[in-house]
Amino acid sequence: MRRWRSTGSVVLACAAVAAGMIGVSALVSGDDSGRSTGAGQGASSADDGWRWESYQTIELQVPEDWGYGITGSPPCLVEKKQRPHVGRPGPVRTIGCWGLPPLAHRAPYVWFDTKSRNPAGDGMRKLGVQPADHGWVEETRLVDGLHVTVLSDDDSLRRRILDSARVIDGSDANGCTPDHRLAHQPDGRPASTGGLASIGTVESIKVCRYAITRRDPDRRAPLIASSIFTGDAAGALVDAITSAPEGSGPNDKECIDTYGMYILVLTVRGGSRDQEVSVRYDGCDFNGTDDGQTLRQLTAPVLRPILTGIHQPWHYHGSLYELVVGPQPSK
């Protein structure tokens, strides 16, 4: 069985998920680190005070101060005030309770989901406007075959978010394409003519997170989310990658999911040329970075800037938890 670790007071375990128990504080992140800081090449910038969010083949704008999380969490487990956030599908959709969180805990959200369930869990979420209570409204639209749901008590905000939704034309606002060959071949290597050592001065890094399609072969576009690093943050991340020890790891031989569910593909823009770097971090084996030239191990300085905010995991294998969160307190 794959080992799963906790985030704060939340424990995400295979057995716990099967039993319908999951901590809600893991589902909504208030950390905005790692969010987009600029538009991709040839893409339109977001409106002032807004940012672009991508999922599979579509993107839309949300207020830039919104957080991230896994939306659709069971309302009976929501125990504190949420913050506005963008949600993507996670481990569970409903656990023996339905409806909206209590009014005191409720916050607006966007929920991307190809198989969006209604709160009772007995079918597809209804398209159109669904009034709730105290002026709250949930609206679901179909955009390029994807269900997009917005919950808000502000009609103009809800409509503005949904009206901004569009099909990704080539690449999204951060320069990430809806599909990538490494999502279908997680054991593959990026193309290289010298690796990171030959790119010159680091200018920016596109971070594209993809679902590994071996787990979901019917998925039409594996893009999960995107972000971009610029300036000193981009240079520091490349320094962390190139200074990590060569080889693979940390790996966890006690689990069975070789590559995991996700892979990150970084495109580092340099003064001389660009270079792709794959980051395998979610599996039992072969974890590490690869610039097509050198395989290197994962370290805390590599992972902590990336696996936060929009790319924050909802589960960890043992070694990954230690790197991203820090040592677990002794019992």
C-alpha atoms as a PDB file:
ATOM      1  CA  MET A   1       0.000   0.000   0.000  1.00  0.00           C
ATOM      2  CA  ARG A   2       1.182   3.467  -0.798  1.00  0.00           C
ATOM      3  CA  ARG A   3       2.125   5.526   2.218  1.00  0.00           C
ATOM      4  CA  TRP A   4       0.384   8.835   2.665  1.00  0.00           C
ATOM      5  CA  ARG A   5       1.375  11.634   4.996  1.00  0.00           C
ATOM      6  CA  SER A   6      -0.418  14.419   6.772  1.00  0.00           C
ATOM      7  CA  THR A   7      -0.423  18.164   6.179  1.00  0.00           C
ATOM      8  CA  GLY A   8      -0.859  19.841   9.529  1.00  0.00           C
ATOM      9  CA  SER A   9      -3.733  18.170  11.317  1.00  0.00           C
ATOM     10  CA  VAL A  10      -4.909  16.477   8.153  1.00  0.00           C
ATOM     11  CA  VAL A  11      -4.214  12.845   7.378  1.00  0.00           C
ATOM     12  CA  LEU A  12      -4.759  11.615   3.837  1.00  0.00           C
ATOM     13  CA  ALA A  13      -4.595   7.839   3.928  1.00  0.00           C
ATOM     14  CA  CYS A  14      -5.807   5.234   1.465  1.00  0.00           C
ATOM     15  CA  ALA A  15      -7.894   3.583   4.131  1.00  0.00           C
ATOM     16  CA  ALA A  16      -9.246   6.884   5.349  1.00  0.00           C
ATOM     17  CA  VAL A  17     -10.344   7.942   1.881  1.00  0.00           C
ATOM     18  CA  ALA A  18     -12.045   4.619   1.344  1.00  0.00           C
ATOM     19  CA  ALA A  19     -13.849   5.065   4.623  1.00  0.00           C
ATOM     20  CA  GLY A  20     -14.930   8.569   3.643  1.00  0.00           C
ATOM     21  CA  MET A  21     -12.741  10.525   6.051  1.00  0.00           C
ATOM     22  CA  ILE A  22     -10.532  13.392   4.954  1.00  0.00           C
ATOM     23  CA  GLY A  23      -9.481  16.611   6.636  1.00  0.00           C
ATOM     24  CA  VAL A  24     -10.896  19.709   5.013  1.00  0.00           C
ATOM     25  CA  SER A  25      -7.983  21.951   5.984  1.00  0.00           C
ATOM     26  CA  ALA A  26      -5.932  20.092   3.380  1.00  0.00           C
ATOM     27  CA  LEU A  27      -8.452  20.913   0.728  1.00  0.00           C
ATOM     28  CA  VAL A  28      -8.196  24.675   0.772  1.00  0.00           C
ATOM     29  CA  SER A  29      -4.810  26.342   0.756  1.00  0.00           C
ATOM     30  CA  GLY A  30      -4.382  29.968   1.741  1.00  0.00           C
ATOM     31  CA  ASP A  31      -0.846  30.062   0.307  1.00  0.00           C
ATOM     32  CA  ASP A  32      -0.530  32.065  -2.897  1.00  0.00           C
ATOM     33  CA  SER A  33       3.157  31.275  -3.382  1.00  0.00           C
ATOM     34  CA  GLY A  34       4.022  29.950  -6.791  1.00  0.00           C
ATOM     35  CA  ARG A  35       1.132  31.645  -8.514  1.00  0.00           C
ATOM     36  CA  SER A  36       1.507  33.257 -11.910  1.00  0.00           C
ATOM     37  CA  THR A  37       3.563  36.422 -12.026  1.00  0.00           C
ATOM     38  CA  GLY A  38       3.255  37.195 -15.710  1.00  0.00           C
ATOM     39  CA  ALA A  39       1.707  36.178 -19.003  1.00  0.00           C
ATOM     40  CA  GLY A  40       3.175  33.604 -21.330  1.00  0.00           C
ATOM     41  CA  GLN A  41       4.573  34.406 -24.749  1.00  0.00           C
ATOM     42  CA  GLY A  42       1.877  35.525 -27.147  1.00  0.00           C
ATOM     43  CA  ALA A  43      -0.855  35.273 -24.505  1.00  0.00           C
ATOM     44  CA  SER A  44      -3.029  38.083 -23.229  1.00  0.00           C
ATOM     45  CA  SER A  45      -2.355  39.493 -19.781  1.00  0.00           C
ATOM     46  CA  ALA A  46      -4.981  39.218 -17.083  1.00  0.00           C
ATOM     47  CA  ASP A  47      -7.000  42.272 -16.140  1.00  0.00           C
ATOM     48  CA  ASP A  48      -5.630  44.404 -13.314  1.00  0.00           C
ATOM     49  CA  GLY A  49      -6.205  42.630 -10.023  1.00  0.00           C
ATOM     50  CA  TRP A  50      -6.962  39.333 -11.755  1.00  0.00           C
ATOM     51  CA  ARG A  51      -5.009  36.267 -12.854  1.00  0.00           C
ATOM     52  CA  TRP A  52      -5.479  33.420 -15.321  1.00  0.00           C
ATOM     53  CA  GLU A  53      -6.172  29.853 -14.149  1.00  0.00           C
ATOM     54  CA  SER A  54      -5.946  26.849 -16.479  1.00  0.00           C
ATOM     55  CA  TYR A  55      -7.340  23.334 -16.442  1.00  0.00           C
ATOM     56  CA  GLN A  56      -7.181  20.832 -19.315  1.00  0.00           C
ATOM     57  CA  THR A  57      -8.203  22.787 -22.432  1.00  0.00           C
ATOM     58  CA  ILE A  58      -9.623  25.974 -20.895  1.00  0.00           C
ATOM     59  CA  GLU A  59      -8.559  28.998 -18.874  1.00  0.00           C
ATOM     60  CA  LEU A  60     -10.399  31.755 -17.039  1.00  0.00           C
ATOM     61  CA  GLN A  61      -9.684  34.754 -14.848  1.00  0.00           C
ATOM     62  CA  VAL A  62     -10.164  35.015 -11.086  1.00  0.00           C
ATOM     63  CA  PRO A  63      -9.273  37.739  -8.566  1.00  0.00           C
ATOM     64  CA  GLU A  64      -5.535  37.558  -7.939  1.00  0.00           C
ATOM     65  CA  ASP A  65      -5.920  37.307  -4.145  1.00  0.00           C
ATOM     66  CA  TRP A  66      -7.889  34.033  -4.313  1.00  0.00           C
ATOM     67  CA  GLY A  67      -6.236  30.936  -2.898  1.00  0.00           C
ATOM     68  CA  TYR A  68      -6.134  27.345  -4.132  1.00  0.00           C
ATOM     69  CA  GLY A  69      -7.640  24.076  -3.034  1.00  0.00           C
ATOM     70  CA  ILE A  70      -9.694  21.024  -3.799  1.00  0.00           C
ATOM     71  CA  THR A  71     -13.251  22.234  -3.973  1.00  0.00           C
ATOM     72  CA  GLY A  72     -16.413  20.251  -3.368  1.00  0.00           C
ATOM     73  CA  SER A  73     -15.238  19.204   0.069  1.00  0.00           C
ATOM     74  CA  PRO A  74     -18.028  17.762   2.210  1.00  0.00           C
ATOM     75  CA  PRO A  75     -19.765  20.639   4.001  1.00  0.00           C
ATOM     76  CA  CYS A  76     -20.231  18.627   7.182  1.00  0.00           C
ATOM     77  CA  LEU A  77     -16.423  18.565   7.543  1.00  0.00           C
ATOM     78  CA  VAL A  78     -15.890  22.301   7.032  1.00  0.00           C
ATOM     79  CA  GLU A  79     -15.026  23.610  10.471  1.00  0.00           C
ATOM     80  CA  LYS A  80     -13.597  27.058   9.810  1.00  0.00           C
ATOM     81  CA  LYS A  81     -14.038  30.074   7.584  1.00  0.00           C
ATOM     82  CA  GLN A  82     -12.831  29.353   4.075  1.00  0.00           C
ATOM     83  CA  ARG A  83     -11.277  31.906   1.762  1.00  0.00           C
ATOM     84  CA  PRO A  84     -12.140  32.428  -1.899  1.00  0.00           C
ATOM     85  CA  HIS A  85     -10.284  29.836  -3.912  1.00  0.00           C
ATOM     86  CA  VAL A  86      -9.867  27.965  -7.187  1.00  0.00           C
ATOM     87  CA  GLY A  87     -10.512  24.235  -6.868  1.00  0.00           C
ATOM     88  CA  ARG A  88      -9.456  21.277  -8.940  1.00  0.00           C
ATOM     89  CA  PRO A  89     -10.665  17.673  -8.575  1.00  0.00           C
ATOM     90  CA  GLY A  90      -9.232  15.825  -5.624  1.00  0.00           C
ATOM     91  CA  PRO A  91      -9.487  12.502  -3.802  1.00  0.00           C
ATOM     92  CA  VAL A  92     -13.154  12.554  -2.841  1.00  0.00           C
ATOM     93  CA  ARG A  93     -16.292  14.351  -4.033  1.00  0.00           C
ATOM     94  CA  THR A  94     -18.863  13.724  -1.334  1.00  0.00           C
ATOM     95  CA  ILE A  95     -18.852  11.959   2.024  1.00  0.00           C
ATOM     96  CA  GLY A  96     -22.274  11.255   3.398  1.00  0.00           C
ATOM     97  CA  CYS A  97     -23.338  14.890   3.476  1.00  0.00           C
ATOM     98  CA  TRP A  98     -24.257  17.444   0.853  1.00  0.00           C
ATOM     99  CA  GLY A  99     -25.266  21.016   0.289  1.00  0.00           C
ATOM    100  CA  LEU A 100     -23.150  24.094   0.933  1.00  0.00           C
ATOM    101  CA  PRO A 101     -20.951  24.748   3.962  1.00  0.00           C
ATOM    102  CA  PRO A 102     -22.570  26.683   6.814  1.00  0.00           C
ATOM    103  CA  LEU A 103     -22.975  30.362   6.021  1.00  0.00           C
ATOM    104  CA  ALA A 104     -20.335  31.380   8.570  1.00  0.00           C
ATOM    105  CA  HIS A 105     -17.746  29.164   6.853  1.00  0.00           C
ATOM    106  CA  ARG A 106     -18.726  29.773   3.227  1.00  0.00           C
ATOM    107  CA  ALA A 107     -16.583  31.539   0.624  1.00  0.00           C
ATOM    108  CA  PRO A 108     -16.738  31.983  -3.162  1.00  0.00           C
ATOM    109  CA  TYR A 109     -14.960  29.437  -5.343  1.00  0.00           C
ATOM    110  CA  VAL A 110     -14.349  28.246  -8.866  1.00  0.00           C
ATOM    111  CA  TRP A 111     -14.456  24.501  -9.418  1.00  0.00           C
ATOM    112  CA  PHE A 112     -12.996  22.882 -12.525  1.00  0.00           C
ATOM    113  CA  ASP A 113     -14.275  19.355 -13.048  1.00  0.00           C
ATOM    114  CA  THR A 114     -14.972  17.109 -16.014  1.00  0.00           C
ATOM    115  CA  LYS A 115     -17.308  14.915 -13.977  1.00  0.00           C
ATOM    116  CA  SER A 116     -18.804  17.469 -11.641  1.00  0.00           C
ATOM    117  CA  ARG A 117     -21.318  15.887  -9.299  1.00  0.00           C
ATOM    118  CA  ASN A 118     -24.225  17.632  -7.712  1.00  0.00           C
ATOM    119  CA  PRO A 119     -24.106  17.995  -3.911  1.00  0.00           C
ATOM    120  CA  ALA A 120     -26.172  14.833  -3.381  1.00  0.00           C
ATOM    121  CA  GLY A 121     -23.699  12.837  -5.474  1.00  0.00           C
ATOM    122  CA  ASP A 122     -26.412  11.216  -7.596  1.00  0.00           C
ATOM    123  CA  GLY A 123     -25.624  12.597 -11.051  1.00  0.00           C
ATOM    124  CA  MET A 124     -24.064  15.380 -13.068  1.00  0.00           C
ATOM    125  CA  ARG A 125     -24.208  18.882 -11.696  1.00  0.00           C
ATOM    126  CA  LYS A 126     -27.033  20.811 -13.335  1.00  0.00           C
ATOM    127  CA  LEU A 127     -26.039  23.419 -15.876  1.00  0.00           C
ATOM    128  CA  GLY A 128     -27.286  26.937 -15.261  1.00  0.00           C
ATOM    129  CA  VAL A 129     -28.034  29.007 -12.188  1.00  0.00           C
ATOM    130  CA  GLN A 130     -28.915  27.253  -8.924  1.00  0.00           C
ATOM    131  CA  PRO A 131     -29.981  29.696  -6.165  1.00  0.00           C
ATOM    132  CA  ALA A 132     -28.922  28.760  -2.646  1.00  0.00           C
ATOM    133  CA  ASP A 133     -29.645  30.765   0.522  1.00  0.00           C
ATOM    134  CA  HIS A 134     -28.858  34.286   1.751  1.00  0.00           C
ATOM    135  CA  GLY A 135     -28.181  35.523  -1.781  1.00  0.00           C
ATOM    136  CA  TRP A 136     -25.629  32.811  -2.613  1.00  0.00           C
ATOM    137  CA  VAL A 137     -25.840  31.337  -6.108  1.00  0.00           C
ATOM    138  CA  GLU A 138     -24.059  28.437  -7.765  1.00  0.00           C
ATOM    139  CA  GLU A 139     -23.756  28.532 -11.545  1.00  0.00           C
ATOM    140  CA  THR A 140     -22.342  25.810 -13.789  1.00  0.00           C
ATOM    141  CA  ARG A 141     -21.434  26.252 -17.428  1.00  0.00           C
ATOM    142  CA  LEU A 142     -20.064  23.844 -20.003  1.00  0.00           C
ATOM    143  CA  VAL A 143     -16.911  25.259 -21.600  1.00  0.00           C
ATOM    144  CA  ASP A 144     -15.307  23.117 -24.300  1.00  0.00           C
ATOM    145  CA  GLY A 145     -16.938  20.066 -22.727  1.00  0.00           C
ATOM    146  CA  LEU A 146     -15.733  20.860 -19.186  1.00  0.00           C
ATOM    147  CA  HIS A 147     -18.021  21.721 -16.297  1.00  0.00           C
ATOM    148  CA  VAL A 148     -17.005  24.982 -14.616  1.00  0.00           C
ATOM    149  CA  THR A 149     -18.852  25.916 -11.423  1.00  0.00           C
ATOM    150  CA  VAL A 150     -18.736  29.243  -9.606  1.00  0.00           C
ATOM    151  CA  LEU A 151     -20.252  29.818  -6.181  1.00  0.00           C
ATOM    152  CA  SER A 152     -20.669  33.417  -5.050  1.00  0.00           C
ATOM    153  CA  ASP A 153     -23.018  35.842  -3.348  1.00  0.00           C
ATOM    154  CA  ASP A 154     -21.981  38.512  -5.894  1.00  0.00           C
ATOM    155  CA  ASP A 155     -23.775  38.094  -9.226  1.00  0.00           C
ATOM    156  CA  SER A 156     -21.455  40.432 -11.127  1.00  0.00           C
ATOM    157  CA  LEU A 157     -18.356  38.619  -9.846  1.00  0.00           C
ATOM    158  CA  ARG A 158     -19.783  35.236 -10.777  1.00  0.00           C
ATOM    159  CA  ARG A 159     -20.673  36.351 -14.291  1.00  0.00           C
ATOM    160  CA  ARG A 160     -17.320  38.068 -14.845  1.00  0.00           C
ATOM    161  CA  ILE A 161     -15.420  34.891 -13.953  1.00  0.00           C
ATOM    162  CA  LEU A 162     -17.555  32.667 -16.156  1.00  0.00           C
ATOM    163  CA  ASP A 163     -17.616  35.141 -19.052  1.00  0.00           C
ATOM    164  CA  SER A 164     -13.797  35.187 -19.081  1.00  0.00           C
ATOM    165  CA  ALA A 165     -13.586  31.424 -19.724  1.00  0.00           C
ATOM    166  CA  ARG A 166     -12.046  30.517 -23.060  1.00  0.00           C
ATOM    167  CA  VAL A 167     -10.453  27.622 -24.906  1.00  0.00           C
ATOM    168  CA  ILE A 168      -6.650  27.616 -24.698  1.00  0.00           C
ATOM    169  CA  ASP A 169      -5.264  28.580 -28.098  1.00  0.00           C
ATOM    170  CA  GLY A 170      -1.971  26.716 -28.383  1.00  0.00           C
ATOM    171  CA  SER A 171      -0.661  27.582 -24.919  1.00  0.00           C
ATOM    172  CA  ASP A 172      -2.209  29.176 -21.861  1.00  0.00           C
ATOM    173  CA  ALA A 173      -1.400  32.571 -20.336  1.00  0.00           C
ATOM    174  CA  ASN A 174       1.735  31.111 -18.720  1.00  0.00           C
ATOM    175  CA  GLY A 175       2.896  29.386 -21.884  1.00  0.00           C
ATOM    176  CA  CYS A 176       1.835  25.830 -20.962  1.00  0.00           C
ATOM    177  CA  THR A 177       0.245  23.593 -23.589  1.00  0.00           C
ATOM    178  CA  PRO A 178      -2.800  21.467 -22.726  1.00  0.00           C
ATOM    179  CA  ASP A 179      -0.865  18.306 -23.631  1.00  0.00           C
ATOM    180  CA  HIS A 180       2.753  17.167 -23.297  1.00  0.00           C
ATOM    181  CA  ARG A 181       4.473  13.947 -24.306  1.00  0.00           C
ATOM    182  CA  LEU A 182       5.980  13.442 -20.833  1.00  0.00           C
ATOM    183  CA  ALA A 183       2.461  13.183 -19.415  1.00  0.00           C
ATOM    184  CA  HIS A 184       2.053  10.072 -21.563  1.00  0.00           C
ATOM    185  CA  GLN A 185       5.645   8.899 -21.117  1.00  0.00           C
ATOM    186  CA  PRO A 186       6.707   9.741 -17.549  1.00  0.00           C
ATOM    187  CA  ASP A 187       9.813   7.602 -18.063  1.00  0.00           C
ATOM    188  CA  GLY A 188      10.859   9.755 -21.023  1.00  0.00           C
ATOM    189  CA  ARG A 189      13.544  12.443 -21.017  1.00  0.00           C
ATOM    190  CA  PRO A 190      13.455  16.068 -22.147  1.00  0.00           C
ATOM    191  CA  ALA A 191      15.305  16.935 -25.346  1.00  0.00           C
ATOM    192  CA  SER A 192      18.664  18.563 -24.649  1.00  0.00           C
ATOM    193  CA  THR A 193      21.696  20.024 -26.366  1.00  0.00           C
ATOM    194  CA  GLY A 194      23.672  20.599 -23.222  1.00  0.00           C
ATOM    195  CA  GLY A 195      21.200  20.796 -20.361  1.00  0.00           C
ATOM    196  CA  LEU A 196      20.842  23.708 -17.965  1.00  0.00           C
ATOM    197  CA  ALA A 197      24.561  24.404 -18.043  1.00  0.00           C
ATOM    198  CA  SER A 198      24.325  25.788 -21.577  1.00  0.00           C
ATOM    199  CA  ILE A 199      21.323  28.135 -21.420  1.00  0.00           C
ATOM    200  CA  GLY A 200      23.074  31.299 -20.273  1.00  0.00           C
ATOM    201  CA  THR A 201      21.484  33.750 -17.850  1.00  0.00           C
ATOM    202  CA  VAL A 202      18.183  32.486 -16.450  1.00  0.00           C
ATOM    203  CA  GLU A 203      15.267  34.765 -17.365  1.00  0.00           C
ATOM    204  CA  SER A 204      12.097  32.865 -16.402  1.00  0.00           C
ATOM    205  CA  ILE A 205      10.669  29.403 -15.760  1.00  0.00           C
ATOM    206  CA  LYS A 206       7.304  28.091 -16.913  1.00  0.00           C
ATOM    207  CA  VAL A 207       5.939  25.451 -14.527  1.00  0.00           C
ATOM    208  CA  CYS A 208       3.355  23.144 -16.108  1.00  0.00           C
ATOM    209  CA  ARG A 209       1.741  20.399 -14.024  1.00  0.00           C
ATOM    210  CA  TYR A 210       0.276  17.441 -15.876  1.00  0.00           C
ATOM    211  CA  ALA A 211      -1.678  14.352 -14.907  1.00  0.00           C
ATOM    212  CA  ILE A 212       0.117  11.156 -15.836  1.00  0.00           C
ATOM    213  CA  THR A 213      -2.264   9.646 -18.356  1.00  0.00           C
ATOM    214  CA  ARG A 214      -1.408   6.021 -17.599  1.00  0.00           C
ATOM    215  CA  ARG A 215      -3.766   6.437 -14.657  1.00  0.00           C
ATOM    216  CA  ASP A 216      -6.473   8.010 -16.815  1.00  0.00           C
ATOM    217  CA  PRO A 217      -6.028   6.956 -20.477  1.00  0.00           C
ATOM    218  CA  ASP A 218      -9.303   8.590 -21.546  1.00  0.00           C
ATOM    219  CA  ARG A 219      -8.173  12.022 -20.404  1.00  0.00           C
ATOM    220  CA  ARG A 220      -8.177  14.318 -23.431  1.00  0.00           C
ATOM    221  CA  ALA A 221      -5.799  16.943 -22.026  1.00  0.00           C
ATOM    222  CA  PRO A 222      -3.562  16.308 -19.003  1.00  0.00           C
ATOM    223  CA  LEU A 223      -2.869  19.940 -18.037  1.00  0.00           C
ATOM    224  CA  ILE A 224      -3.765  20.487 -14.379  1.00  0.00           C
ATOM    225  CA  ALA A 225      -2.323  23.932 -13.623  1.00  0.00           C
ATOM    226  CA  SER A 226       0.432  26.355 -14.587  1.00  0.00           C
ATOM    227  CA  SER A 227       2.557  29.109 -13.075  1.00  0.00           C
ATOM    228  CA  ILE A 228       5.670  31.095 -13.894  1.00  0.00           C
ATOM    229  CA  PHE A 229       8.808  32.178 -12.031  1.00  0.00           C
ATOM    230  CA  THR A 230      10.729  35.307 -12.946  1.00  0.00           C
ATOM    231  CA  GLY A 231      13.707  37.301 -11.685  1.00  0.00           C
ATOM    232  CA  ASP A 232      15.686  36.109  -8.668  1.00  0.00           C
ATOM    233  CA  ALA A 233      13.184  33.345  -7.908  1.00  0.00           C
ATOM    234  CA  ALA A 234      13.827  31.757 -11.313  1.00  0.00           C
ATOM    235  CA  GLY A 235      17.591  31.928 -10.903  1.00  0.00           C
ATOM    236  CA  ALA A 236      17.426  30.470  -7.388  1.00  0.00           C
ATOM    237  CA  LEU A 237      15.361  27.525  -8.575  1.00  0.00           C
ATOM    238  CA  VAL A 238      17.818  26.691 -11.365  1.00  0.00           C
ATOM    239  CA  ASP A 239      20.712  26.962  -8.896  1.00  0.00           C
ATOM    240  CA  ALA A 240      18.901  24.544  -6.581  1.00  0.00           C
ATOM    241  CA  ILE A 241      18.355  22.049  -9.401  1.00  0.00           C
ATOM    242  CA  THR A 242      21.934  22.140 -10.702  1.00  0.00           C
ATOM    243  CA  SER A 243      23.481  21.888  -7.220  1.00  0.00           C
ATOM    244  CA  ALA A 244      21.459  18.810  -6.190  1.00  0.00           C
ATOM    245  CA  PRO A 245      23.274  15.455  -6.041  1.00  0.00           C
ATOM    246  CA  GLU A 246      23.208  13.361  -9.196  1.00  0.00           C
ATOM    247  CA  GLY A 247      21.005  10.284  -9.353  1.00  0.00           C
ATOM    248  CA  SER A 248      17.431   9.473  -8.364  1.00  0.00           C
ATOM    249  CA  GLY A 249      15.590   9.988  -5.101  1.00  0.00           C
ATOM    250  CA  PRO A 250      14.335  10.153  -2.552  1.00  0.00           C
ATOM    251  CA  ASN A 251      12.316   7.072  -3.432  1.00  0.00           C
ATOM    252  CA  ASP A 252       9.965   4.951  -1.370  1.00  0.00           C
ATOM    253  CA  LYS A 253      10.145   1.237  -2.088  1.00  0.00           C
ATOM    254  CA  GLU A 254       7.280   0.482   0.292  1.00  0.00           C
ATOM    255  CA  CYS A 255       4.615   1.756  -2.110  1.00  0.00           C
ATOM    256  CA  ILE A 256       3.454   0.497  -5.496  1.00  0.00           C
ATOM    257  CA  ASP A 257       2.693   3.584  -7.611  1.00  0.00           C
ATOM    258  CA  THR A 258       5.905   3.904  -9.633  1.00  0.00           C
ATOM    259  CA  TYR A 259       5.416   7.356 -11.167  1.00  0.00           C
ATOM    260  CA  GLY A 260       2.447   8.656  -9.181  1.00  0.00           C
ATOM    261  CA  MET A 261      -0.345  10.832 -10.508  1.00  0.00           C
ATOM    262  CA  TYR A 262       1.469  13.993 -11.610  1.00  0.00           C
ATOM    263  CA  ILE A 263       4.602  15.252 -13.324  1.00  0.00           C
ATOM    264  CA  LEU A 264       5.955  18.795 -13.557  1.00  0.00           C
ATOM    265  CA  VAL A 265       7.504  20.057 -16.775  1.00  0.00           C
ATOM    266  CA  LEU A 266       9.623  23.188 -16.386  1.00  0.00           C
ATOM    267  CA  THR A 267      10.713  25.287 -19.354  1.00  0.00           C
ATOM    268  CA  VAL A 268      13.683  27.408 -18.364  1.00  0.00           C
ATOM    269  CA  ARG A 269      14.211  30.432 -20.580  1.00  0.00           C
ATOM    270  CA  GLY A 270      17.845  31.447 -20.791  1.00  0.00           C
ATOM    271  CA  GLY A 271      19.787  34.167 -22.528  1.00  0.00           C
ATOM    272  CA  SER A 272      21.187  31.609 -24.975  1.00  0.00           C
ATOM    273  CA  ARG A 273      18.332  29.120 -25.336  1.00  0.00           C
ATOM    274  CA  ASP A 274      15.457  27.390 -23.556  1.00  0.00           C
ATOM    275  CA  GLN A 275      15.649  24.040 -21.793  1.00  0.00           C
ATOM    276  CA  GLU A 276      12.910  21.706 -20.559  1.00  0.00           C
ATOM    277  CA  VAL A 277      13.326  20.014 -17.190  1.00  0.00           C
ATOM    278  CA  SER A 278      11.074  17.234 -15.935  1.00  0.00           C
ATOM    279  CA  VAL A 279      10.357  16.929 -12.215  1.00  0.00           C
ATOM    280  CA  ARG A 280       9.126  13.523 -11.093  1.00  0.00           C
ATOM    281  CA  TYR A 281       8.069  13.803  -7.466  1.00  0.00           C
ATOM    282  CA  ASP A 282       4.835  11.907  -6.973  1.00  0.00           C
ATOM    283  CA  GLY A 283       5.815   8.260  -7.276  1.00  0.00           C
ATOM    284  CA  CYS A 284       7.596   5.520  -5.408  1.00  0.00           C
ATOM    285  CA  ASP A 285      10.597   5.447  -7.725  1.00  0.00           C
ATOM    286  CA  PHE A 286      12.542   7.512 -10.274  1.00  0.00           C
ATOM    287  CA  ASN A 287      11.895  10.759  -8.389  1.00  0.00           C
ATOM    288  CA  GLY A 288      14.178  13.609  -9.380  1.00  0.00           C
ATOM    289  CA  THR A 289      14.865  16.269 -11.987  1.00  0.00           C
ATOM    290  CA  ASP A 290      16.064  15.678 -15.541  1.00  0.00           C
ATOM    291  CA  ASP A 291      17.312  18.349 -17.954  1.00  0.00           C
ATOM    292  CA  GLY A 292      17.955  15.788 -20.669  1.00  0.00           C
ATOM    293  CA  GLN A 293      21.608  15.751 -19.701  1.00  0.00           C
ATOM    294  CA  THR A 294      21.806  14.932 -15.996  1.00  0.00           C
ATOM    295  CA  LEU A 295      19.475  13.181 -13.568  1.00  0.00           C
ATOM    296  CA  ARG A 296      19.501  14.798 -10.140  1.00  0.00           C
ATOM    297  CA  GLN A 297      17.853  14.073  -6.810  1.00  0.00           C
ATOM    298  CA  LEU A 298      15.040  16.094  -5.290  1.00  0.00           C
ATOM    299  CA  THR A 299      15.986  18.461  -2.471  1.00  0.00           C
ATOM    300  CA  ALA A 300      14.045  20.871  -0.272  1.00  0.00           C
ATOM    301  CA  PRO A 301      15.359  23.967  -2.146  1.00  0.00           C
ATOM    302  CA  VAL A 302      14.062  22.442  -5.393  1.00  0.00           C
ATOM    303  CA  LEU A 303      10.622  21.358  -4.184  1.00  0.00           C
ATOM    304  CA  ARG A 304       9.562  23.985  -1.648  1.00  0.00           C
ATOM    305  CA  PRO A 305       9.315  26.881  -4.142  1.00  0.00           C
ATOM    306  CA  ILE A 306       7.328  24.733  -6.581  1.00  0.00           C
ATOM    307  CA  LEU A 307       5.009  22.551  -4.493  1.00  0.00           C
ATOM    308  CA  THR A 308       3.080  25.373  -2.912  1.00  0.00           C
ATOM    309  CA  GLY A 309      -0.001  27.375  -3.787  1.00  0.00           C
ATOM    310  CA  ILE A 310      -1.375  26.175  -7.098  1.00  0.00           C
ATOM    311  CA  HIS A 311       0.863  23.074  -7.163  1.00  0.00           C
ATOM    312  CA  GLN A 312       0.508  22.086  -3.504  1.00  0.00           C
ATOM    313  CA  PRO A 313       0.030  18.303  -3.228  1.00  0.00           C
ATOM    314  CA  TRP A 314      -3.000  16.852  -1.466  1.00  0.00           C
ATOM    315  CA  HIS A 315      -0.972  13.785  -0.572  1.00  0.00           C
ATOM    316  CA  TYR A 316       2.670  12.968   0.111  1.00  0.00           C
ATOM    317  CA  HIS A 317       4.733   9.829   0.151  1.00  0.00           C
ATOM    318  CA  GLY A 318       6.990   9.679   3.189  1.00  0.00           C
ATOM    319  CA  SER A 319      10.198  11.109   1.745  1.00  0.00           C
ATOM    320  CA  LEU A 320       8.419  13.911  -0.108  1.00  0.00           C
ATOM    321  CA  TYR A 321       6.729  15.112   3.065  1.00  0.00           C
ATOM    322  CA  GLU A 322      10.069  15.483   4.800  1.00  0.00           C
ATOM    323  CA  LEU A 323      11.439  17.626   1.959  1.00  0.00           C
ATOM    324  CA  VAL A 324       8.450  19.898   1.428  1.00  0.00           C
ATOM    325  CA  VAL A 325       6.997  20.293   4.919  1.00  0.00           C
ATOM    326  CA  GLY A 326       9.915  19.337   7.137  1.00  0.00           C
ATOM    327  CA  PRO A 327      10.575  16.551   9.642  1.00  0.00           C
ATOM    328  CA  GLN A 328       7.501  15.166  11.332  1.00  0.00           C
ATOM    329  CA  PRO A 329       7.405  15.619  15.098  1.00  0.00           C
ATOM    330  CA  SER A 330       8.349  12.507  16.998  1.00  0.00           C
ATOM    331  CA  LYS A 331       5.487  10.707  18.673  1.00  0.00           C
END
